[in-house]
Amino acid sequence: MRQNTQIEWEILEVEEDEWAEVTMAPPADEPRPARRQWLAKLLGSVALLAILAGVVGYRLVQEAEAGIAATERHIGSLVQVETIRQQPRAAPHELSTQVDDVVIKGRAAMVRVVVTETSSFGQVLPHIETRFYERCPAGWRRTAPVAAFWGEPAVLETPTLHFDFYELDRPYVEAVAAPIDAYHAALRQILGLPALAATGRVTVAVIPDFVAPGTLLPDGILTEGSPYLYYAAPPGDERPQFFAGASTTFLRRLQGQLLVRTMQQSQAVYGIREVWQPLVGYLDRWLRSHEADLSALANGVPLTHDSRVVRPAQTLATLTGGDINNTRYSEYQEHRIDIINFSAHAFFDYLVSDRGPDAISALLAAFGTQDTWPAVIYEAFGMSMDELLVQWEAYEQADTSCMKCNDPPGADGGSFSP
């Protein structure tokens, strides 16, 4: 049996404010007044801490800068005191110094100092040097180089060389890497030594310390002091200098080390006999005098001739006589050495200019098997001494005629008529 359901409605009569309170409940996610107050306090605290940190940081920076400035002044005064002590009372020149740069790391300082010497004639010769100081109870005192300033270790390789160095020396190593590699390769080619494989590269260690030229580690590694420690010409100074730039000095020192090493290797390869050792010494000098030309010579570029006059017969007589082995017994040793040195240079110049760079290695190979000049010349070049002399004189005549053709009119002191 179906039941009838009745709904009864009742309208309450209340005030408008009471009705709004009943029907409009607050959303669940609306922040309560207490939460708003907590967030405001938190943000205020963070802002206050940020302001305090900024003030403290600013004060710390100011104090650090003031401390660095005081340290630089102290070190500058110490440098001036050192200069006064280094200046002899009766010295013919005046010495002055100026601090160029100061780098502080912990309790140590690295200082770049420009030292200027002024001669009694007014010639000014500045150079830059690097000094190191360490903090002590009494202030600062001079110390040995501090390796921490050089940074992380680094490596650079060329076809014939492997460099171990530190980051401070990277500009110098990168500047000389290509030219010293070309020099090394040319030197080996002229001396007839085989090209180096990648595993046979010569290792050069550049260390943050003073090193005497020619220092070798027990495993044969060439060791060179940091170029940053050289006495060097100030960068960008165009005046005449007593010292070369650091990169130039670095290159020359490496050339000297590689020359000694390569000459020793060639001695071992060819087994050069004792009788030829003096001439090999003059070959060493010849190679040093042509350091800048060596790469070109190895590639077959002829030597540029100067105005000296070479008489092959006299030059060859000087080399093949007893003078070259007995100069130390002469009353005029220095003069005779100069004559022999000139003769040897003229001989090597002729061989390379007329027969190419391979002539040197052919001569060295003959020095290892023969004891007399006629035998050496025949072994190396397949000719007699007389034939060599005829060819040399013809070469000198042609060279002299060529130089005369290039001389300006009247260069020989005579008159010229068109």
Protein backbone atom coordinates (compact mmCIF):
# COMPACT_ATOMS: atom_id res chain seq x y z
CA MET A 1 0.00 0.00 0.00
CA ARG A 2 1.52 3.30 -1.08
CA GLN A 3 2.25 5.90 1.57
CA ASN A 4 2.12 9.62 1.04
CA THR A 5 5.13 11.58 2.29
CA GLN A 6 4.66 15.19 3.23
CA ILE A 7 7.40 17.83 3.57
CA GLU A 8 6.74 20.72 5.81
CA TRP A 9 8.67 24.01 5.21
CA GLU A 10 9.35 26.50 7.94
CA ILE A 11 10.74 29.96 7.24
CA LEU A 12 12.82 31.35 10.05
CA GLU A 13 12.67 34.99 10.63
CA VAL A 14 16.21 36.16 11.61
CA GLU A 15 18.33 39.20 11.16
CA GLU A 16 20.41 39.60 7.96
CA ASP A 17 23.77 39.33 9.80
CA GLU A 18 22.75 36.13 11.51
CA TRP A 19 21.61 34.63 8.19
CA ALA A 20 25.03 35.42 6.58
CA GLU A 21 26.83 33.75 9.48
CA VAL A 22 24.81 30.58 8.99
CA THR A 23 25.06 30.32 5.19
CA MET A 24 28.65 31.69 4.46
CA ALA A 25 31.22 29.35 6.06
CA PRO A 26 34.94 30.29 5.41
CA PRO A 27 36.88 28.27 2.79
CA ALA A 28 39.05 25.48 4.16
CA ASP A 29 42.29 26.88 2.65
CA GLU A 30 41.88 30.48 3.81
CA PRO A 31 44.78 31.37 6.20
CA ARG A 32 43.81 32.10 9.69
CA PRO A 33 44.90 35.33 11.38
CA ALA A 34 47.51 33.52 13.52
CA ARG A 35 49.20 32.00 10.46
CA ARG A 36 49.38 35.39 8.76
CA GLN A 37 51.11 36.85 11.77
CA TRP A 38 53.69 34.00 11.81
CA LEU A 39 54.53 34.50 8.13
CA ALA A 40 54.98 38.24 8.61
CA LYS A 41 57.36 37.66 11.51
CA LEU A 42 59.36 35.12 9.47
CA LEU A 43 59.75 37.44 6.48
CA GLY A 44 60.80 40.28 8.75
CA SER A 45 63.45 38.10 10.38
CA VAL A 46 64.85 37.02 7.01
CA ALA A 47 65.04 40.62 5.81
CA LEU A 48 66.79 41.67 9.01
CA LEU A 49 69.32 38.85 8.70
CA ALA A 50 70.00 39.79 5.05
CA ILE A 51 70.64 43.41 6.04
CA LEU A 52 72.94 42.35 8.88
CA ALA A 53 74.84 39.96 6.57
CA GLY A 54 75.31 42.72 4.01
CA VAL A 55 76.62 45.12 6.63
CA VAL A 56 78.99 42.53 8.08
CA GLY A 57 80.18 41.49 4.58
CA TYR A 58 80.80 45.09 3.62
CA ARG A 59 82.82 45.65 6.80
CA LEU A 60 84.82 42.46 6.16
CA VAL A 61 85.59 43.55 2.59
CA GLN A 62 86.69 46.95 3.83
CA GLU A 63 88.90 45.40 6.49
CA ALA A 64 90.39 42.92 3.97
CA GLU A 65 91.15 45.71 1.50
CA ALA A 66 92.69 47.79 4.25
CA GLY A 67 94.79 44.80 5.34
CA ILE A 68 95.96 44.15 1.78
CA ALA A 69 96.83 47.80 1.31
CA ALA A 70 98.80 47.80 4.57
CA THR A 71 100.62 44.62 3.51
CA GLU A 72 101.50 46.13 0.13
CA ARG A 73 102.85 49.25 1.85
CA HIS A 74 104.88 47.12 4.25
CA ILE A 75 106.34 45.01 1.45
CA GLY A 76 107.02 48.13 -0.63
CA SER A 77 109.00 49.59 2.26
CA LEU A 78 110.89 46.32 2.62
CA VAL A 79 111.79 46.36 -1.09
CA GLN A 80 113.14 49.90 -0.73
CA VAL A 81 115.27 48.85 2.26
CA GLU A 82 116.65 45.94 0.23
CA THR A 83 117.51 48.34 -2.59
CA ILE A 84 119.43 50.63 -0.24
CA ARG A 85 121.38 47.66 1.10
CA GLN A 86 122.19 46.44 -2.43
CA GLN A 87 123.47 49.86 -3.53
CA PRO A 88 127.24 50.14 -2.90
CA ARG A 89 128.34 53.55 -1.67
CA ALA A 90 130.85 54.09 -4.49
CA ALA A 91 128.81 52.41 -7.22
CA PRO A 92 129.12 53.88 -10.74
CA HIS A 93 125.38 53.46 -11.27
CA GLU A 94 122.16 54.30 -9.46
CA LEU A 95 119.71 51.58 -8.47
CA SER A 96 115.98 52.13 -7.92
CA THR A 97 112.99 49.82 -7.49
CA GLN A 98 109.23 50.03 -7.85
CA VAL A 99 106.67 47.41 -6.84
CA ASP A 100 104.62 46.48 -9.90
CA ASP A 101 102.30 43.82 -8.47
CA VAL A 102 101.66 41.99 -5.19
CA VAL A 103 99.81 38.67 -4.88
CA ILE A 104 99.09 37.34 -1.39
CA LYS A 105 98.29 33.71 -0.66
CA GLY A 106 97.97 32.74 3.00
CA ARG A 107 101.15 33.75 4.82
CA ALA A 108 103.16 34.25 1.61
CA ALA A 109 103.42 37.06 -0.93
CA MET A 110 104.70 37.08 -4.52
CA VAL A 111 105.98 40.49 -5.61
CA ARG A 112 106.86 41.69 -9.11
CA VAL A 113 109.51 44.41 -8.82
CA VAL A 114 110.79 46.69 -11.59
CA VAL A 115 114.49 47.32 -10.94
CA THR A 116 116.05 50.23 -12.82
CA GLU A 117 119.79 50.78 -13.14
CA THR A 118 120.96 54.18 -14.33
CA SER A 119 124.60 54.38 -15.40
CA SER A 120 126.88 57.36 -14.88
CA PHE A 121 126.29 58.17 -18.57
CA GLY A 122 122.54 58.38 -18.02
CA GLN A 123 121.67 55.07 -19.68
CA VAL A 124 118.55 53.59 -18.11
CA LEU A 125 118.29 49.78 -18.00
CA PRO A 126 115.12 48.48 -16.33
CA HIS A 127 114.31 44.84 -15.72
CA ILE A 128 111.59 43.01 -13.85
CA GLU A 129 112.16 40.31 -11.25
CA THR A 130 109.96 38.23 -8.95
CA ARG A 131 110.52 38.09 -5.20
CA PHE A 132 108.84 36.10 -2.47
CA TYR A 133 108.17 36.98 1.15
CA GLU A 134 106.64 35.17 4.11
CA ARG A 135 104.94 36.58 7.18
CA CYS A 136 106.84 36.23 10.44
CA PRO A 137 106.39 37.67 13.97
CA ALA A 138 108.55 40.67 13.02
CA GLY A 139 106.66 41.38 9.77
CA TRP A 140 107.73 40.04 6.36
CA ARG A 141 110.99 38.44 5.29
CA ARG A 142 112.46 37.31 1.96
CA THR A 143 112.07 33.63 1.13
CA ALA A 144 112.52 31.08 -1.66
CA PRO A 145 109.88 30.72 -4.41
CA VAL A 146 106.54 29.44 -3.09
CA ALA A 147 105.11 26.74 -5.36
CA ALA A 148 101.50 27.46 -4.35
CA PHE A 149 101.47 30.57 -6.58
CA TRP A 150 102.00 28.49 -9.74
CA GLY A 151 98.61 26.76 -9.64
CA GLU A 152 97.67 23.36 -10.98
CA PRO A 153 100.02 21.11 -12.99
CA ALA A 154 99.54 21.04 -16.77
CA VAL A 155 100.84 19.21 -19.85
CA LEU A 156 101.54 20.28 -23.43
CA GLU A 157 102.90 18.09 -26.23
CA THR A 158 104.51 18.80 -29.60
CA PRO A 159 105.74 16.25 -32.17
CA THR A 160 109.17 15.98 -30.45
CA LEU A 161 108.67 17.40 -26.93
CA HIS A 162 106.55 16.78 -23.85
CA PHE A 163 106.19 19.70 -21.40
CA ASP A 164 105.29 19.27 -17.72
CA PHE A 165 104.60 22.67 -16.14
CA TYR A 166 102.21 24.68 -13.96
CA GLU A 167 99.46 27.07 -14.99
CA LEU A 168 101.37 30.26 -14.15
CA ASP A 169 103.93 29.33 -16.82
CA ARG A 170 101.38 28.40 -19.49
CA PRO A 171 101.82 31.65 -21.52
CA TYR A 172 105.58 31.06 -21.76
CA VAL A 173 105.31 27.37 -22.63
CA GLU A 174 102.69 28.02 -25.31
CA ALA A 175 104.80 30.86 -26.76
CA VAL A 176 107.92 28.70 -27.26
CA ALA A 177 106.34 25.30 -27.97
CA ALA A 178 106.18 25.65 -31.78
CA PRO A 179 109.57 27.34 -32.37
CA ILE A 180 111.51 25.06 -30.01
CA ASP A 181 109.91 21.98 -31.57
CA ALA A 182 110.88 23.20 -35.06
CA TYR A 183 114.42 23.87 -33.84
CA HIS A 184 114.70 20.43 -32.25
CA ALA A 185 113.43 18.65 -35.36
CA ALA A 186 115.80 20.64 -37.61
CA LEU A 187 118.76 19.97 -35.31
CA ARG A 188 118.15 16.23 -35.39
CA GLN A 189 117.78 16.31 -39.18
CA ILE A 190 121.04 18.22 -39.73
CA LEU A 191 122.92 15.85 -37.43
CA GLY A 192 121.45 12.86 -39.25
CA LEU A 193 119.46 11.48 -36.31
CA PRO A 194 116.14 9.71 -36.92
CA ALA A 195 112.85 11.49 -36.29
CA LEU A 196 111.39 10.85 -32.85
CA ALA A 197 108.33 8.68 -32.42
CA ALA A 198 105.46 9.85 -30.19
CA THR A 199 106.73 7.59 -27.40
CA GLY A 200 110.24 9.02 -27.73
CA ARG A 201 109.43 12.66 -27.05
CA VAL A 202 111.96 14.51 -24.92
CA THR A 203 110.38 15.56 -21.62
CA VAL A 204 110.93 19.11 -20.40
CA ALA A 205 109.97 19.81 -16.78
CA VAL A 206 109.36 23.49 -15.97
CA ILE A 207 109.45 23.78 -12.19
CA PRO A 208 108.68 26.71 -9.81
CA ASP A 209 112.26 27.21 -8.65
CA PHE A 210 115.64 28.54 -9.74
CA VAL A 211 117.48 25.95 -11.84
CA ALA A 212 121.02 26.07 -13.19
CA PRO A 213 121.17 25.77 -17.01
CA GLY A 214 121.68 22.23 -18.21
CA THR A 215 120.16 20.52 -15.17
CA LEU A 216 119.02 16.96 -15.85
CA LEU A 217 116.91 14.69 -13.67
CA PRO A 218 118.19 11.11 -13.16
CA ASP A 219 115.80 9.78 -15.81
CA GLY A 220 117.13 12.21 -18.43
CA ILE A 221 114.33 14.77 -18.15
CA LEU A 222 115.41 18.29 -19.09
CA THR A 223 114.67 20.61 -16.17
CA GLU A 224 114.17 24.34 -16.56
CA GLY A 225 113.26 26.94 -13.95
CA SER A 226 110.05 28.89 -14.31
CA PRO A 227 110.36 31.81 -16.76
CA TYR A 228 108.40 33.81 -14.20
CA LEU A 229 111.61 33.87 -12.13
CA TYR A 230 113.88 35.23 -14.88
CA TYR A 231 115.34 38.69 -14.79
CA ALA A 232 113.56 39.99 -17.88
CA ALA A 233 112.82 43.16 -19.80
CA PRO A 234 109.55 44.78 -18.67
CA PRO A 235 106.75 43.90 -21.10
CA GLY A 236 106.02 46.66 -23.61
CA ASP A 237 109.19 48.65 -22.87
CA GLU A 238 110.77 49.56 -26.23
CA ARG A 239 114.00 51.00 -24.82
CA PRO A 240 117.31 49.11 -25.18
CA GLN A 241 117.42 46.38 -22.54
CA PHE A 242 120.17 44.50 -20.78
CA PHE A 243 117.93 41.45 -20.35
CA ALA A 244 115.76 39.85 -23.03
CA GLY A 245 112.08 39.10 -22.57
CA ALA A 246 111.23 36.05 -20.47
CA SER A 247 109.92 34.04 -23.45
CA THR A 248 113.07 34.78 -25.48
CA THR A 249 115.33 33.72 -22.61
CA PHE A 250 113.23 30.58 -22.10
CA LEU A 251 113.59 29.67 -25.80
CA ARG A 252 117.36 30.21 -25.81
CA ARG A 253 117.90 28.15 -22.68
CA LEU A 254 115.87 25.28 -24.13
CA GLN A 255 117.83 25.50 -27.38
CA GLY A 256 121.08 25.23 -25.44
CA GLN A 257 119.89 22.20 -23.49
CA LEU A 258 118.57 20.41 -26.56
CA LEU A 259 121.79 21.13 -28.47
CA VAL A 260 123.94 19.57 -25.74
CA ARG A 261 121.66 16.55 -25.53
CA THR A 262 121.47 16.03 -29.31
CA MET A 263 125.21 16.47 -29.82
CA GLN A 264 125.87 13.85 -27.13
CA GLN A 265 123.45 11.51 -28.86
CA SER A 266 125.17 12.03 -32.22
CA GLN A 267 128.54 11.31 -30.61
CA ALA A 268 127.18 7.98 -29.40
CA VAL A 269 125.51 7.14 -32.73
CA TYR A 270 128.57 7.86 -34.89
CA GLY A 271 131.26 6.84 -32.41
CA ILE A 272 133.29 9.94 -33.29
CA ARG A 273 137.00 9.36 -32.73
CA GLU A 274 139.12 11.38 -30.34
CA VAL A 275 141.14 13.11 -33.06
CA TRP A 276 137.98 14.87 -34.33
CA GLN A 277 136.64 16.05 -30.97
CA PRO A 278 138.05 19.61 -31.30
CA LEU A 279 136.34 20.04 -34.67
CA VAL A 280 133.09 18.69 -33.23
CA GLY A 281 133.39 21.39 -30.58
CA TYR A 282 133.56 24.02 -33.34
CA LEU A 283 130.55 22.40 -34.99
CA ASP A 284 128.70 22.98 -31.70
CA ARG A 285 129.61 26.66 -31.90
CA TRP A 286 128.52 26.82 -35.53
CA LEU A 287 125.13 25.35 -34.67
CA ARG A 288 124.69 27.88 -31.84
CA SER A 289 125.51 30.75 -34.18
CA HIS A 290 122.81 29.54 -36.60
CA GLU A 291 120.04 28.90 -34.06
CA ALA A 292 117.68 31.29 -35.82
CA ASP A 293 118.42 29.79 -39.28
CA LEU A 294 118.41 26.10 -38.39
CA SER A 295 114.86 25.29 -39.51
CA ALA A 296 115.43 27.06 -42.82
CA LEU A 297 118.78 25.29 -43.34
CA ALA A 298 117.16 21.92 -42.70
CA ASN A 299 114.64 22.73 -45.43
CA GLY A 300 117.37 23.55 -47.94
CA VAL A 301 117.24 27.35 -47.75
CA PRO A 302 120.77 28.65 -48.49
CA LEU A 303 122.68 30.68 -45.95
CA THR A 304 122.72 34.44 -46.22
CA HIS A 305 126.34 35.46 -46.77
CA ASP A 306 128.10 38.30 -45.07
CA SER A 307 130.94 40.41 -46.44
CA ARG A 308 133.76 38.36 -44.96
CA VAL A 309 136.51 37.13 -47.28
CA VAL A 310 137.25 33.39 -47.17
CA ARG A 311 140.41 31.93 -48.70
CA PRO A 312 139.67 28.19 -48.96
CA ALA A 313 143.31 27.08 -49.29
CA GLN A 314 144.36 28.93 -46.16
CA THR A 315 141.21 27.93 -44.30
CA LEU A 316 141.60 24.25 -45.14
CA ALA A 317 145.29 24.36 -44.18
CA THR A 318 144.30 25.76 -40.78
CA LEU A 319 141.80 22.96 -40.21
CA THR A 320 143.98 20.10 -41.45
CA GLY A 321 147.17 21.26 -39.70
CA GLY A 322 148.15 20.70 -36.11
CA ASP A 323 146.72 24.00 -34.88
CA ILE A 324 143.24 22.70 -34.22
CA ASN A 325 144.52 20.12 -31.75
CA ASN A 326 147.32 22.14 -30.16
CA THR A 327 145.82 25.57 -29.48
CA ARG A 328 146.16 25.16 -25.73
CA TYR A 329 149.96 24.98 -26.05
CA SER A 330 150.21 28.21 -28.05
CA GLU A 331 151.48 31.47 -26.58
CA TYR A 332 148.70 33.21 -28.52
CA GLN A 333 145.96 30.77 -27.61
CA GLU A 334 143.02 33.17 -27.75
CA HIS A 335 144.04 34.58 -31.14
CA ARG A 336 144.59 31.16 -32.64
CA ILE A 337 141.28 29.90 -31.35
CA ASP A 338 139.58 32.80 -33.09
CA ILE A 339 141.34 31.93 -36.36
CA ILE A 340 140.37 28.26 -36.11
CA ASN A 341 136.82 29.17 -35.15
CA PHE A 342 136.54 31.41 -38.23
CA SER A 343 137.98 28.65 -40.44
CA ALA A 344 135.62 26.00 -39.06
CA HIS A 345 132.60 28.26 -39.51
CA ALA A 346 133.61 29.01 -43.10
CA PHE A 347 134.04 25.28 -43.79
CA PHE A 348 130.63 24.33 -42.38
CA ASP A 349 128.96 27.25 -44.16
CA TYR A 350 130.40 26.05 -47.46
CA LEU A 351 129.37 22.42 -46.94
CA VAL A 352 125.75 23.30 -46.07
CA SER A 353 125.41 26.00 -48.76
CA ASP A 354 126.95 23.91 -51.54
CA ARG A 355 125.91 20.37 -50.59
CA GLY A 356 122.86 20.83 -48.39
CA PRO A 357 122.25 20.02 -44.72
CA ASP A 358 123.05 16.32 -45.21
CA ALA A 359 126.74 17.23 -45.60
CA ILE A 360 127.07 17.64 -41.81
CA SER A 361 125.79 14.16 -41.00
CA ALA A 362 128.02 12.69 -43.76
CA LEU A 363 131.04 14.40 -42.18
CA LEU A 364 130.14 13.13 -38.69
CA ALA A 365 129.73 9.58 -39.97
CA ALA A 366 133.22 9.75 -41.51
CA PHE A 367 134.60 11.07 -38.20
CA GLY A 368 133.55 7.76 -36.69
CA THR A 369 135.45 5.57 -39.18
CA GLN A 370 138.48 7.52 -40.42
CA ASP A 371 141.52 9.13 -38.81
CA THR A 372 142.89 11.46 -41.52
CA TRP A 373 141.46 14.36 -43.47
CA PRO A 374 141.90 12.79 -46.94
CA ALA A 375 140.13 9.65 -45.77
CA VAL A 376 137.32 11.64 -44.13
CA ILE A 377 136.71 13.79 -47.23
CA TYR A 378 136.70 10.76 -49.52
CA GLU A 379 134.42 8.77 -47.18
CA ALA A 380 131.96 11.63 -46.76
CA PHE A 381 131.92 13.19 -50.24
CA GLY A 382 133.69 10.75 -52.57
CA MET A 383 136.45 13.14 -53.65
CA SER A 384 140.04 14.03 -52.86
CA MET A 385 141.20 17.02 -50.84
CA ASP A 386 142.36 18.74 -54.03
CA GLU A 387 138.99 18.27 -55.68
CA LEU A 388 137.24 19.66 -52.60
CA LEU A 389 139.55 22.69 -52.62
CA VAL A 390 138.87 23.38 -56.32
CA GLN A 391 135.10 23.22 -55.78
CA TRP A 392 135.29 25.41 -52.67
CA GLU A 393 137.32 28.09 -54.44
CA ALA A 394 134.88 28.08 -57.35
CA TYR A 395 132.00 28.48 -54.90
CA GLU A 396 133.69 31.44 -53.15
CA GLN A 397 134.47 33.14 -56.46
CA ALA A 398 130.88 32.81 -57.60
CA ASP A 399 129.63 34.07 -54.26
CA THR A 400 132.03 37.04 -54.31
CA SER A 401 130.95 37.97 -57.86
CA CYS A 402 127.31 37.78 -56.80
CA MET A 403 127.93 40.11 -53.85
CA LYS A 404 129.74 42.60 -56.09
CA CYS A 405 126.80 42.59 -58.47
CA ASN A 406 124.49 43.48 -55.59
CA ASP A 407 126.77 46.24 -54.23
CA PRO A 408 125.70 49.83 -54.94
CA PRO A 409 127.85 51.85 -57.37
CA GLY A 410 131.10 52.96 -55.76
CA ALA A 411 130.72 50.59 -52.78
CA ASP A 412 134.30 49.35 -53.26
CA GLY A 413 135.65 52.89 -52.86
CA GLY A 414 136.33 53.40 -56.57
CA SER A 415 134.58 55.64 -59.01
CA PHE A 416 131.64 54.68 -61.11
CA SER A 417 130.80 55.94 -64.56
CA PRO A 418 127.52 55.17 -66.25
